[in-house]
PDB file of all heavy atoms in Angstrom:
ATOM      1  N   ARG A   1       0.848  -1.189  -0.002  1.00  0.00           N
ATOM      2  CA  ARG A   1       0.000   0.001  -0.002  1.00  0.00           C
ATOM      3  C   ARG A   1       0.887   1.232   0.003  1.00  0.00           C
ATOM      4  O   ARG A   1       1.882   1.308   0.698  1.00  0.00           O
ATOM      5  CB  ARG A   1      -0.874   0.014   1.237  1.00  0.00           C
ATOM      6  CG  ARG A   1      -2.012  -0.963   1.163  1.00  0.00           C
ATOM      7  CD  ARG A   1      -3.010  -0.531   2.174  1.00  0.00           C
ATOM      8  NE  ARG A   1      -4.317  -0.644   1.589  1.00  0.00           N
ATOM      9  CZ  ARG A   1      -5.383  -0.860   2.292  1.00  0.00           C
ATOM     10  NH1 ARG A   1      -5.322  -0.930   3.584  1.00  0.00           N
ATOM     11  NH2 ARG A   1      -6.547  -0.944   1.703  1.00  0.00           N
ATOM     12  N   GLN A   2       0.449   2.193  -0.765  1.00  0.00           N
ATOM     13  CA  GLN A   2       1.220   3.437  -0.823  1.00  0.00           C
ATOM     14  C   GLN A   2       0.888   4.265   0.407  1.00  0.00           C
ATOM     15  O   GLN A   2      -0.249   4.365   0.824  1.00  0.00           O
ATOM     16  CB  GLN A   2       0.863   4.225  -2.078  1.00  0.00           C
ATOM     17  CG  GLN A   2       1.284   3.539  -3.353  1.00  0.00           C
ATOM     18  CD  GLN A   2       0.901   4.371  -4.572  1.00  0.00           C
ATOM     19  OE1 GLN A   2       0.206   5.376  -4.466  1.00  0.00           O
ATOM     20  NE2 GLN A   2       1.374   3.953  -5.728  1.00  0.00           N
ATOM     21  N   GLN A   3       1.920   4.829   0.936  1.00  0.00           N
ATOM     22  CA  GLN A   3       1.731   5.746   2.053  1.00  0.00           C
ATOM     23  C   GLN A   3       1.279   7.089   1.476  1.00  0.00           C
ATOM     24  O   GLN A   3       1.868   7.596   0.526  1.00  0.00           O
ATOM     25  CB  GLN A   3       3.030   5.910   2.840  1.00  0.00           C
ATOM     26  CG  GLN A   3       3.528   4.644   3.489  1.00  0.00           C
ATOM     27  CD  GLN A   3       2.584   4.160   4.574  1.00  0.00           C
ATOM     28  OE1 GLN A   3       1.966   4.942   5.272  1.00  0.00           O
ATOM     29  NE2 GLN A   3       2.458   2.838   4.697  1.00  0.00           N
ATOM     30  N   THR A   4       0.244   7.626   2.038  1.00  0.00           N
ATOM     31  CA  THR A   4      -0.255   8.920   1.560  1.00  0.00           C
ATOM     32  C   THR A   4      -0.033   9.989   2.600  1.00  0.00           C
ATOM     33  O   THR A   4       0.015   9.720   3.798  1.00  0.00           O
ATOM     34  CB  THR A   4      -1.757   8.838   1.205  1.00  0.00           C
ATOM     35  OG1 THR A   4      -2.465   8.438   2.379  1.00  0.00           O
ATOM     36  CG2 THR A   4      -2.010   7.855   0.088  1.00  0.00           C
ATOM     37  N   SER A   5       0.051  11.190   2.106  1.00  0.00           N
ATOM     38  CA  SER A   5       0.228  12.317   3.035  1.00  0.00           C
ATOM     39  C   SER A   5      -1.154  12.752   3.529  1.00  0.00           C
ATOM     40  O   SER A   5      -2.176  12.383   2.993  1.00  0.00           O
ATOM     41  CB  SER A   5       0.915  13.480   2.318  1.00  0.00           C
ATOM     42  OG  SER A   5       0.046  13.993   1.332  1.00  0.00           O
ATOM     43  N   GLY A   6      -1.169  13.563   4.547  1.00  0.00           N
ATOM     44  CA  GLY A   6      -2.427  14.105   5.077  1.00  0.00           C
ATOM     45  C   GLY A   6      -3.158  14.922   4.029  1.00  0.00           C
ATOM     46  O   GLY A   6      -4.388  14.881   3.944  1.00  0.00           O
ATOM     47  N   GLU A   7      -2.399  15.625   3.216  1.00  0.00           N
ATOM     48  CA  GLU A   7      -3.005  16.449   2.163  1.00  0.00           C
ATOM     49  C   GLU A   7      -3.715  15.574   1.130  1.00  0.00           C
ATOM     50  O   GLU A   7      -4.832  15.855   0.731  1.00  0.00           O
ATOM     51  CB  GLU A   7      -1.925  17.294   1.479  1.00  0.00           C
ATOM     52  CG  GLU A   7      -2.451  18.227   0.408  1.00  0.00           C
ATOM     53  CD  GLU A   7      -1.337  19.027  -0.262  1.00  0.00           C
ATOM     54  OE1 GLU A   7      -0.240  19.134   0.313  1.00  0.00           O
ATOM     55  OE2 GLU A   7      -1.590  19.549  -1.349  1.00  0.00           O
ATOM     56  N   THR A   8      -3.073  14.492   0.731  1.00  0.00           N
ATOM     57  CA  THR A   8      -3.678  13.569  -0.233  1.00  0.00           C
ATOM     58  C   THR A   8      -4.921  12.940   0.347  1.00  0.00           C
ATOM     59  O   THR A   8      -5.947  12.803  -0.327  1.00  0.00           O
ATOM     60  CB  THR A   8      -2.668  12.475  -0.633  1.00  0.00           C
ATOM     61  OG1 THR A   8      -1.468  13.084  -1.086  1.00  0.00           O
ATOM     62  CG2 THR A   8      -3.222  11.567  -1.691  1.00  0.00           C
ATOM     63  N   ASP A   9      -4.872  12.573   1.630  1.00  0.00           N
ATOM     64  CA  ASP A   9      -6.048  11.978   2.288  1.00  0.00           C
ATOM     65  C   ASP A   9      -7.206  12.970   2.313  1.00  0.00           C
ATOM     66  O   ASP A   9      -8.349  12.590   2.057  1.00  0.00           O
ATOM     67  CB  ASP A   9      -5.712  11.548   3.714  1.00  0.00           C
ATOM     68  CG  ASP A   9      -4.817  10.316   3.760  1.00  0.00           C
ATOM     69  OD1 ASP A   9      -4.781   9.563   2.756  1.00  0.00           O
ATOM     70  OD2 ASP A   9      -4.153  10.100   4.811  1.00  0.00           O
ATOM     71  N   LEU A  10      -6.913  14.216   2.620  1.00  0.00           N
ATOM     72  CA  LEU A  10      -7.964  15.246   2.654  1.00  0.00           C
ATOM     73  C   LEU A  10      -8.570  15.439   1.273  1.00  0.00           C
ATOM     74  O   LEU A  10      -9.796  15.516   1.136  1.00  0.00           O
ATOM     75  CB  LEU A  10      -7.380  16.560   3.188  1.00  0.00           C
ATOM     76  CG  LEU A  10      -8.365  17.707   3.352  1.00  0.00           C
ATOM     77  CD1 LEU A  10      -9.455  17.330   4.352  1.00  0.00           C
ATOM     78  CD2 LEU A  10      -7.642  18.963   3.827  1.00  0.00           C
ATOM     79  N   LEU A  11      -7.712  15.508   0.242  1.00  0.00           N
ATOM     80  CA  LEU A  11      -8.221  15.659  -1.122  1.00  0.00           C
ATOM     81  C   LEU A  11      -9.067  14.458  -1.528  1.00  0.00           C
ATOM     82  O   LEU A  11     -10.126  14.618  -2.159  1.00  0.00           O
ATOM     83  CB  LEU A  11      -7.049  15.813  -2.106  1.00  0.00           C
ATOM     84  CG  LEU A  11      -6.346  17.164  -2.121  1.00  0.00           C
ATOM     85  CD1 LEU A  11      -5.101  17.094  -2.998  1.00  0.00           C
ATOM     86  CD2 LEU A  11      -7.300  18.240  -2.628  1.00  0.00           C
ATOM     87  N   ARG A  12      -8.630  13.307  -1.150  1.00  0.00           N
ATOM     88  CA  ARG A  12      -9.383  12.075  -1.459  1.00  0.00           C
ATOM     89  C   ARG A  12     -10.764  12.125  -0.798  1.00  0.00           C
ATOM     90  O   ARG A  12     -11.765  11.806  -1.421  1.00  0.00           O
ATOM     91  CB  ARG A  12      -8.613  10.851  -1.016  1.00  0.00           C
ATOM     92  CG  ARG A  12      -9.301   9.537  -1.354  1.00  0.00           C
ATOM     93  CD  ARG A  12      -8.508   8.336  -0.933  1.00  0.00           C
ATOM     94  NE  ARG A  12      -7.199   8.353  -1.566  1.00  0.00           N
ATOM     95  CZ  ARG A  12      -6.764   7.449  -2.419  1.00  0.00           C
ATOM     96  NH1 ARG A  12      -7.506   6.415  -2.704  1.00  0.00           N
ATOM     97  NH2 ARG A  12      -5.589   7.533  -2.976  1.00  0.00           N
ATOM     98  N   GLN A  13     -10.803  12.528   0.467  1.00  0.00           N
ATOM     99  CA  GLN A  13     -12.086  12.596   1.170  1.00  0.00           C
ATOM    100  C   GLN A  13     -13.025  13.603   0.518  1.00  0.00           C
ATOM    101  O   GLN A  13     -14.218  13.354   0.358  1.00  0.00           O
ATOM    102  CB  GLN A  13     -11.873  12.963   2.643  1.00  0.00           C
ATOM    103  CG  GLN A  13     -11.253  11.862   3.473  1.00  0.00           C
ATOM    104  CD  GLN A  13     -10.867  12.334   4.868  1.00  0.00           C
ATOM    105  OE1 GLN A  13     -10.995  13.504   5.203  1.00  0.00           O
ATOM    106  NE2 GLN A  13     -10.372  11.403   5.683  1.00  0.00           N
ATOM    107  N   GLU A  14     -12.486  14.769   0.155  1.00  0.00           N
ATOM    108  CA  GLU A  14     -13.300  15.802  -0.483  1.00  0.00           C
ATOM    109  C   GLU A  14     -13.835  15.329  -1.828  1.00  0.00           C
ATOM    110  O   GLU A  14     -15.014  15.531  -2.141  1.00  0.00           O
ATOM    111  CB  GLU A  14     -12.480  17.077  -0.660  1.00  0.00           C
ATOM    112  CG  GLU A  14     -12.209  17.825   0.622  1.00  0.00           C
ATOM    113  CD  GLU A  14     -11.308  19.039   0.425  1.00  0.00           C
ATOM    114  OE1 GLU A  14     -10.983  19.389  -0.752  1.00  0.00           O
ATOM    115  OE2 GLU A  14     -10.930  19.646   1.435  1.00  0.00           O
ATOM    116  N   THR A  15     -12.987  14.705  -2.634  1.00  0.00           N
ATOM    117  CA  THR A  15     -13.439  14.263  -3.954  1.00  0.00           C
ATOM    118  C   THR A  15     -14.399  13.093  -3.840  1.00  0.00           C
ATOM    119  O   THR A  15     -15.315  12.969  -4.658  1.00  0.00           O
ATOM    120  CB  THR A  15     -12.259  13.889  -4.869  1.00  0.00           C
ATOM    121  OG1 THR A  15     -11.459  12.889  -4.247  1.00  0.00           O
ATOM    122  CG2 THR A  15     -11.424  15.096  -5.206  1.00  0.00           C
ATOM    123  N   GLN A  16     -14.231  12.256  -2.812  1.00  0.00           N
ATOM    124  CA  GLN A  16     -15.204  11.178  -2.615  1.00  0.00           C
ATOM    125  C   GLN A  16     -16.577  11.752  -2.300  1.00  0.00           C
ATOM    126  O   GLN A  16     -17.599  11.283  -2.788  1.00  0.00           O
ATOM    127  CB  GLN A  16     -14.757  10.237  -1.492  1.00  0.00           C
ATOM    128  CG  GLN A  16     -13.672   9.262  -1.898  1.00  0.00           C
ATOM    129  CD  GLN A  16     -13.185   8.401  -0.734  1.00  0.00           C
ATOM    130  OE1 GLN A  16     -13.365   8.739   0.422  1.00  0.00           O
ATOM    131  NE2 GLN A  16     -12.549   7.299  -1.084  1.00  0.00           N
ATOM    132  N   LYS A  17     -16.585  12.793  -1.491  1.00  0.00           N
ATOM    133  CA  LYS A  17     -17.853  13.447  -1.142  1.00  0.00           C
ATOM    134  C   LYS A  17     -18.502  14.030  -2.404  1.00  0.00           C
ATOM    135  O   LYS A  17     -19.688  13.864  -2.628  1.00  0.00           O
ATOM    136  CB  LYS A  17     -17.604  14.543  -0.104  1.00  0.00           C
ATOM    137  CG  LYS A  17     -18.848  15.234   0.371  1.00  0.00           C
ATOM    138  CD  LYS A  17     -18.534  16.298   1.400  1.00  0.00           C
ATOM    139  CE  LYS A  17     -19.800  17.016   1.766  1.00  0.00           C
ATOM    140  NZ  LYS A  17     -19.561  18.199   2.560  1.00  0.00           N
ATOM    141  N   ILE A  18     -17.700  14.666  -3.230  1.00  0.00           N
ATOM    142  CA  ILE A  18     -18.212  15.246  -4.481  1.00  0.00           C
ATOM    143  C   ILE A  18     -18.759  14.130  -5.387  1.00  0.00           C
ATOM    144  O   ILE A  18     -19.834  14.280  -5.988  1.00  0.00           O
ATOM    145  CB  ILE A  18     -17.090  16.043  -5.213  1.00  0.00           C
ATOM    146  CG1 ILE A  18     -16.725  17.291  -4.408  1.00  0.00           C
ATOM    147  CG2 ILE A  18     -17.517  16.417  -6.624  1.00  0.00           C
ATOM    148  CD1 ILE A  18     -15.452  17.988  -4.873  1.00  0.00           C
ATOM    149  N   ALA A  19     -18.020  13.049  -5.479  1.00  0.00           N
ATOM    150  CA  ALA A  19     -18.428  11.925  -6.330  1.00  0.00           C
ATOM    151  C   ALA A  19     -19.738  11.314  -5.853  1.00  0.00           C
ATOM    152  O   ALA A  19     -20.631  11.003  -6.640  1.00  0.00           O
ATOM    153  CB  ALA A  19     -17.340  10.871  -6.398  1.00  0.00           C
ATOM    154  N   VAL A  20     -19.877  11.144  -4.543  1.00  0.00           N
ATOM    155  CA  VAL A  20     -21.112  10.565  -3.980  1.00  0.00           C
ATOM    156  C   VAL A  20     -22.299  11.486  -4.249  1.00  0.00           C
ATOM    157  O   VAL A  20     -23.390  11.015  -4.610  1.00  0.00           O
ATOM    158  CB  VAL A  20     -20.933  10.278  -2.456  1.00  0.00           C
ATOM    159  CG1 VAL A  20     -22.248   9.930  -1.802  1.00  0.00           C
ATOM    160  CG2 VAL A  20     -19.921   9.162  -2.259  1.00  0.00           C
ATOM    161  N   GLU A  21     -22.081  12.786  -4.101  1.00  0.00           N
ATOM    162  CA  GLU A  21     -23.173  13.748  -4.382  1.00  0.00           C
ATOM    163  C   GLU A  21     -23.539  13.715  -5.864  1.00  0.00           C
ATOM    164  O   GLU A  21     -24.726  13.765  -6.222  1.00  0.00           O
ATOM    165  CB  GLU A  21     -22.760  15.156  -3.953  1.00  0.00           C
ATOM    166  CG  GLU A  21     -22.682  15.344  -2.448  1.00  0.00           C
ATOM    167  CD  GLU A  21     -22.059  16.661  -2.024  1.00  0.00           C
ATOM    168  OE1 GLU A  21     -21.626  17.459  -2.905  1.00  0.00           O
ATOM    169  OE2 GLU A  21     -21.974  16.890  -0.801  1.00  0.00           O
ATOM    170  N   ALA A  22     -22.541  13.618  -6.733  1.00  0.00           N
ATOM    171  CA  ALA A  22     -22.799  13.560  -8.162  1.00  0.00           C
ATOM    172  C   ALA A  22     -23.523  12.269  -8.518  1.00  0.00           C
ATOM    173  O   ALA A  22     -24.429  12.247  -9.365  1.00  0.00           O
ATOM    174  CB  ALA A  22     -21.487  13.681  -8.935  1.00  0.00           C
ATOM    175  N   LEU A  23     -23.131  11.191  -7.887  1.00  0.00           N
ATOM    176  CA  LEU A  23     -23.753   9.878  -8.112  1.00  0.00           C
ATOM    177  C   LEU A  23     -25.247   9.930  -7.754  1.00  0.00           C
ATOM    178  O   LEU A  23     -26.076   9.370  -8.462  1.00  0.00           O
ATOM    179  CB  LEU A  23     -23.035   8.841  -7.269  1.00  0.00           C
ATOM    180  CG  LEU A  23     -23.213   7.386  -7.620  1.00  0.00           C
ATOM    181  CD1 LEU A  23     -22.819   7.106  -9.061  1.00  0.00           C
ATOM    182  CD2 LEU A  23     -22.387   6.509  -6.700  1.00  0.00           C
ATOM    183  N   ALA A  24     -25.552  10.643  -6.693  1.00  0.00           N
ATOM    184  CA  ALA A  24     -26.947  10.764  -6.255  1.00  0.00           C
ATOM    185  C   ALA A  24     -27.793  11.498  -7.292  1.00  0.00           C
ATOM    186  O   ALA A  24     -29.006  11.313  -7.347  1.00  0.00           O
ATOM    187  CB  ALA A  24     -27.013  11.469  -4.895  1.00  0.00           C
ATOM    188  N   ARG A  25     -27.169  12.332  -8.117  1.00  0.00           N
ATOM    189  CA  ARG A  25     -27.901  13.109  -9.127  1.00  0.00           C
ATOM    190  C   ARG A  25     -28.166  12.326 -10.412  1.00  0.00           C
ATOM    191  O   ARG A  25     -28.915  12.775 -11.261  1.00  0.00           O
ATOM    192  CB  ARG A  25     -27.135  14.390  -9.438  1.00  0.00           C
ATOM    193  CG  ARG A  25     -27.105  15.321  -8.219  1.00  0.00           C
ATOM    194  CD  ARG A  25     -26.242  16.557  -8.393  1.00  0.00           C
ATOM    195  NE  ARG A  25     -26.530  17.302  -9.627  1.00  0.00           N
ATOM    196  CZ  ARG A  25     -25.756  18.276 -10.062  1.00  0.00           C
ATOM    197  NH1 ARG A  25     -24.667  18.629  -9.383  1.00  0.00           N
ATOM    198  NH2 ARG A  25     -26.038  18.921 -11.175  1.00  0.00           N
ATOM    199  N   LEU A  26     -27.546  11.162 -10.550  1.00  0.00           N
ATOM    200  CA  LEU A  26     -27.750  10.347 -11.765  1.00  0.00           C
ATOM    201  C   LEU A  26     -29.118   9.666 -11.738  1.00  0.00           C
ATOM    202  O   LEU A  26     -29.634   9.353 -10.655  1.00  0.00           O
ATOM    203  CB  LEU A  26     -26.678   9.260 -11.870  1.00  0.00           C
ATOM    204  CG  LEU A  26     -25.264   9.676 -12.189  1.00  0.00           C
ATOM    205  CD1 LEU A  26     -24.344   8.444 -12.199  1.00  0.00           C
ATOM    206  CD2 LEU A  26     -25.173  10.398 -13.517  1.00  0.00           C
ATOM    207  N   PRO A  27     -29.671   9.375 -12.922  1.00  0.00           N
ATOM    208  CA  PRO A  27     -30.896   8.587 -12.973  1.00  0.00           C
ATOM    209  C   PRO A  27     -30.619   7.184 -12.402  1.00  0.00           C
ATOM    210  O   PRO A  27     -29.492   6.683 -12.454  1.00  0.00           O
ATOM    211  CB  PRO A  27     -31.233   8.499 -14.465  1.00  0.00           C
ATOM    212  CG  PRO A  27     -30.386   9.521 -15.130  1.00  0.00           C
ATOM    213  CD  PRO A  27     -29.245   9.823 -14.233  1.00  0.00           C
ATOM    214  N   LYS A  28     -31.666   6.551 -11.899  1.00  0.00           N
ATOM    215  CA  LYS A  28     -31.537   5.245 -11.225  1.00  0.00           C
ATOM    216  C   LYS A  28     -30.836   4.214 -12.110  1.00  0.00           C
ATOM    217  O   LYS A  28     -29.955   3.493 -11.659  1.00  0.00           O
ATOM    218  CB  LYS A  28     -32.907   4.737 -10.821  1.00  0.00           C
ATOM    219  CG  LYS A  28     -32.868   3.410 -10.106  1.00  0.00           C
ATOM    220  CD  LYS A  28     -34.248   2.916  -9.753  1.00  0.00           C
ATOM    221  CE  LYS A  28     -34.107   1.528  -9.115  1.00  0.00           C
ATOM    222  NZ  LYS A  28     -35.270   0.725  -9.277  1.00  0.00           N
ATOM    223  N   SER A  29     -31.206   4.134 -13.385  1.00  0.00           N
ATOM    224  CA  SER A  29     -30.632   3.118 -14.276  1.00  0.00           C
ATOM    225  C   SER A  29     -29.124   3.294 -14.465  1.00  0.00           C
ATOM    226  O   SER A  29     -28.403   2.307 -14.581  1.00  0.00           O
ATOM    227  CB  SER A  29     -31.342   3.138 -15.630  1.00  0.00           C
ATOM    228  OG  SER A  29     -31.132   4.391 -16.275  1.00  0.00           O
ATOM    229  N   LEU A  30     -28.655   4.543 -14.461  1.00  0.00           N
ATOM    230  CA  LEU A  30     -27.214   4.781 -14.621  1.00  0.00           C
ATOM    231  C   LEU A  30     -26.484   4.619 -13.284  1.00  0.00           C
ATOM    232  O   LEU A  30     -25.376   4.125 -13.235  1.00  0.00           O
ATOM    233  CB  LEU A  30     -26.978   6.172 -15.197  1.00  0.00           C
ATOM    234  CG  LEU A  30     -27.596   6.465 -16.577  1.00  0.00           C
ATOM    235  CD1 LEU A  30     -27.251   7.866 -17.020  1.00  0.00           C
ATOM    236  CD2 LEU A  30     -27.156   5.443 -17.598  1.00  0.00           C
ATOM    237  N   LYS A  31     -27.151   5.037 -12.217  1.00  0.00           N
ATOM    238  CA  LYS A  31     -26.550   4.926 -10.893  1.00  0.00           C
ATOM    239  C   LYS A  31     -26.301   3.457 -10.526  1.00  0.00           C
ATOM    240  O   LYS A  31     -25.262   3.119  -9.968  1.00  0.00           O
ATOM    241  CB  LYS A  31     -27.466   5.572  -9.842  1.00  0.00           C
ATOM    242  CG  LYS A  31     -26.868   5.630  -8.476  1.00  0.00           C
ATOM    243  CD  LYS A  31     -27.754   6.169  -7.375  1.00  0.00           C
ATOM    244  CE  LYS A  31     -28.887   7.042  -7.800  1.00  0.00           C
ATOM    245  NZ  LYS A  31     -29.667   7.570  -6.681  1.00  0.00           N
ATOM    246  N   GLU A  32     -27.238   2.575 -10.879  1.00  0.00           N
ATOM    247  CA  GLU A  32     -27.129   1.156 -10.551  1.00  0.00           C
ATOM    248  C   GLU A  32     -25.864   0.545 -11.164  1.00  0.00           C
ATOM    249  O   GLU A  32     -25.135  -0.168 -10.479  1.00  0.00           O
ATOM    250  CB  GLU A  32     -28.345   0.390 -11.070  1.00  0.00           C
ATOM    251  CG  GLU A  32     -29.614   0.628 -10.306  1.00  0.00           C
ATOM    252  CD  GLU A  32     -30.823  -0.044 -10.939  1.00  0.00           C
ATOM    253  OE1 GLU A  32     -30.823  -0.236 -12.173  1.00  0.00           O
ATOM    254  OE2 GLU A  32     -31.734  -0.385 -10.194  1.00  0.00           O
ATOM    255  N   VAL A  33     -25.627   0.805 -12.447  1.00  0.00           N
ATOM    256  CA  VAL A  33     -24.458   0.189 -13.090  1.00  0.00           C
ATOM    257  C   VAL A  33     -23.152   0.692 -12.492  1.00  0.00           C
ATOM    258  O   VAL A  33     -22.213  -0.078 -12.301  1.00  0.00           O
ATOM    259  CB  VAL A  33     -24.474   0.344 -14.634  1.00  0.00           C
ATOM    260  CG1 VAL A  33     -25.601  -0.421 -15.247  1.00  0.00           C
ATOM    261  CG2 VAL A  33     -24.467   1.784 -15.072  1.00  0.00           C
ATOM    262  N   ILE A  34     -23.091   1.986 -12.174  1.00  0.00           N
ATOM    263  CA  ILE A  34     -21.868   2.543 -11.584  1.00  0.00           C
ATOM    264  C   ILE A  34     -21.634   1.935 -10.193  1.00  0.00           C
ATOM    265  O   ILE A  34     -20.532   1.522  -9.868  1.00  0.00           O
ATOM    266  CB  ILE A  34     -21.958   4.090 -11.476  1.00  0.00           C
ATOM    267  CG1 ILE A  34     -21.814   4.740 -12.826  1.00  0.00           C
ATOM    268  CG2 ILE A  34     -20.926   4.650 -10.500  1.00  0.00           C
ATOM    269  CD1 ILE A  34     -20.408   4.765 -13.386  1.00  0.00           C
ATOM    270  N   ILE A  35     -22.684   1.848  -9.394  1.00  0.00           N
ATOM    271  CA  ILE A  35     -22.546   1.300  -8.033  1.00  0.00           C
ATOM    272  C   ILE A  35     -22.122  -0.154  -8.087  1.00  0.00           C
ATOM    273  O   ILE A  35     -21.200  -0.585  -7.376  1.00  0.00           O
ATOM    274  CB  ILE A  35     -23.865   1.458  -7.239  1.00  0.00           C
ATOM    275  CG1 ILE A  35     -24.059   2.936  -6.893  1.00  0.00           C
ATOM    276  CG2 ILE A  35     -23.848   0.618  -5.982  1.00  0.00           C
ATOM    277  CD1 ILE A  35     -25.402   3.267  -6.292  1.00  0.00           C
ATOM    278  N   LEU A  36     -22.751  -0.953  -8.962  1.00  0.00           N
ATOM    279  CA  LEU A  36     -22.410  -2.375  -9.060  1.00  0.00           C
ATOM    280  C   LEU A  36     -20.971  -2.563  -9.575  1.00  0.00           C
ATOM    281  O   LEU A  36     -20.283  -3.484  -9.150  1.00  0.00           O
ATOM    282  CB  LEU A  36     -23.395  -3.112  -9.950  1.00  0.00           C
ATOM    283  CG  LEU A  36     -24.805  -3.271  -9.363  1.00  0.00           C
ATOM    284  CD1 LEU A  36     -25.753  -3.851 -10.402  1.00  0.00           C
ATOM    285  CD2 LEU A  36     -24.780  -4.126  -8.114  1.00  0.00           C
ATOM    286  N   ARG A  37     -20.546  -1.691 -10.492  1.00  0.00           N
ATOM    287  CA  ARG A  37     -19.190  -1.808 -11.053  1.00  0.00           C
ATOM    288  C   ARG A  37     -18.120  -1.325 -10.063  1.00  0.00           C
ATOM    289  O   ARG A  37     -17.157  -2.010  -9.783  1.00  0.00           O
ATOM    290  CB  ARG A  37     -19.099  -1.008 -12.356  1.00  0.00           C
ATOM    291  CG  ARG A  37     -17.724  -1.021 -12.980  1.00  0.00           C
ATOM    292  CD  ARG A  37     -17.405  -2.369 -13.562  1.00  0.00           C
ATOM    293  NE  ARG A  37     -16.042  -2.370 -14.028  1.00  0.00           N
ATOM    294  CZ  ARG A  37     -15.136  -3.255 -13.622  1.00  0.00           C
ATOM    295  NH1 ARG A  37     -15.477  -4.228 -12.814  1.00  0.00           N
ATOM    296  NH2 ARG A  37     -13.911  -3.182 -14.048  1.00  0.00           N
ATOM    297  N   GLU A  38     -18.312  -0.112  -9.538  1.00  0.00           N
ATOM    298  CA  GLU A  38     -17.267   0.515  -8.735  1.00  0.00           C
ATOM    299  C   GLU A  38     -17.262   0.042  -7.279  1.00  0.00           C
ATOM    300  O   GLU A  38     -16.214  -0.117  -6.684  1.00  0.00           O
ATOM    301  CB  GLU A  38     -17.401   2.059  -8.767  1.00  0.00           C
ATOM    302  CG  GLU A  38     -17.224   2.647 -10.148  1.00  0.00           C
ATOM    303  CD  GLU A  38     -15.865   2.393 -10.768  1.00  0.00           C
ATOM    304  OE1 GLU A  38     -14.860   2.285 -10.024  1.00  0.00           O
ATOM    305  OE2 GLU A  38     -15.783   2.311 -11.996  1.00  0.00           O
ATOM    306  N   TYR A  39     -18.436  -0.159  -6.695  1.00  0.00           N
ATOM    307  CA  TYR A  39     -18.519  -0.562  -5.298  1.00  0.00           C
ATOM    308  C   TYR A  39     -18.688  -2.068  -5.145  1.00  0.00           C
ATOM    309  O   TYR A  39     -18.180  -2.665  -4.208  1.00  0.00           O
ATOM    310  CB  TYR A  39     -19.651   0.166  -4.571  1.00  0.00           C
ATOM    311  CG  TYR A  39     -19.428   1.656  -4.486  1.00  0.00           C
ATOM    312  CD1 TYR A  39     -20.161   2.533  -5.287  1.00  0.00           C
ATOM    313  CD2 TYR A  39     -18.479   2.183  -3.627  1.00  0.00           C
ATOM    314  CE1 TYR A  39     -19.942   3.907  -5.210  1.00  0.00           C
ATOM    315  CE2 TYR A  39     -18.271   3.556  -3.550  1.00  0.00           C
ATOM    316  CZ  TYR A  39     -19.011   4.419  -4.344  1.00  0.00           C
ATOM    317  OH  TYR A  39     -18.790   5.760  -4.277  1.00  0.00           O
ATOM    318  N   GLY A  40     -19.454  -2.681  -6.082  1.00  0.00           N
ATOM    319  CA  GLY A  40     -19.689  -4.125  -6.017  1.00  0.00           C
ATOM    320  C   GLY A  40     -18.595  -4.910  -6.694  1.00  0.00           C
ATOM    321  O   GLY A  40     -18.531  -6.124  -6.541  1.00  0.00           O
ATOM    322  N   ASP A  41     -17.765  -4.238  -7.463  1.00  0.00           N
ATOM    323  CA  ASP A  41     -16.649  -4.878  -8.173  1.00  0.00           C
ATOM    324  C   ASP A  41     -17.123  -6.019  -9.086  1.00  0.00           C
ATOM    325  O   ASP A  41     -16.454  -7.025  -9.213  1.00  0.00           O
ATOM    326  CB  ASP A  41     -15.595  -5.370  -7.179  1.00  0.00           C
ATOM    327  CG  ASP A  41     -14.220  -5.479  -7.826  1.00  0.00           C
ATOM    328  OD1 ASP A  41     -13.965  -4.726  -8.788  1.00  0.00           O
ATOM    329  OD2 ASP A  41     -13.409  -6.305  -7.375  1.00  0.00           O
TER     330      ASP A  41
END
């Protein structure tokens, strides 16, 4: 595992929040495929 700096961790947390909010704005049919692919692997 790569060691990350505090700054990278903060940026990651912020962008994850942005991504989750953007995901919530997608139509259900598109949101399902993204969730199953990215989170369900």
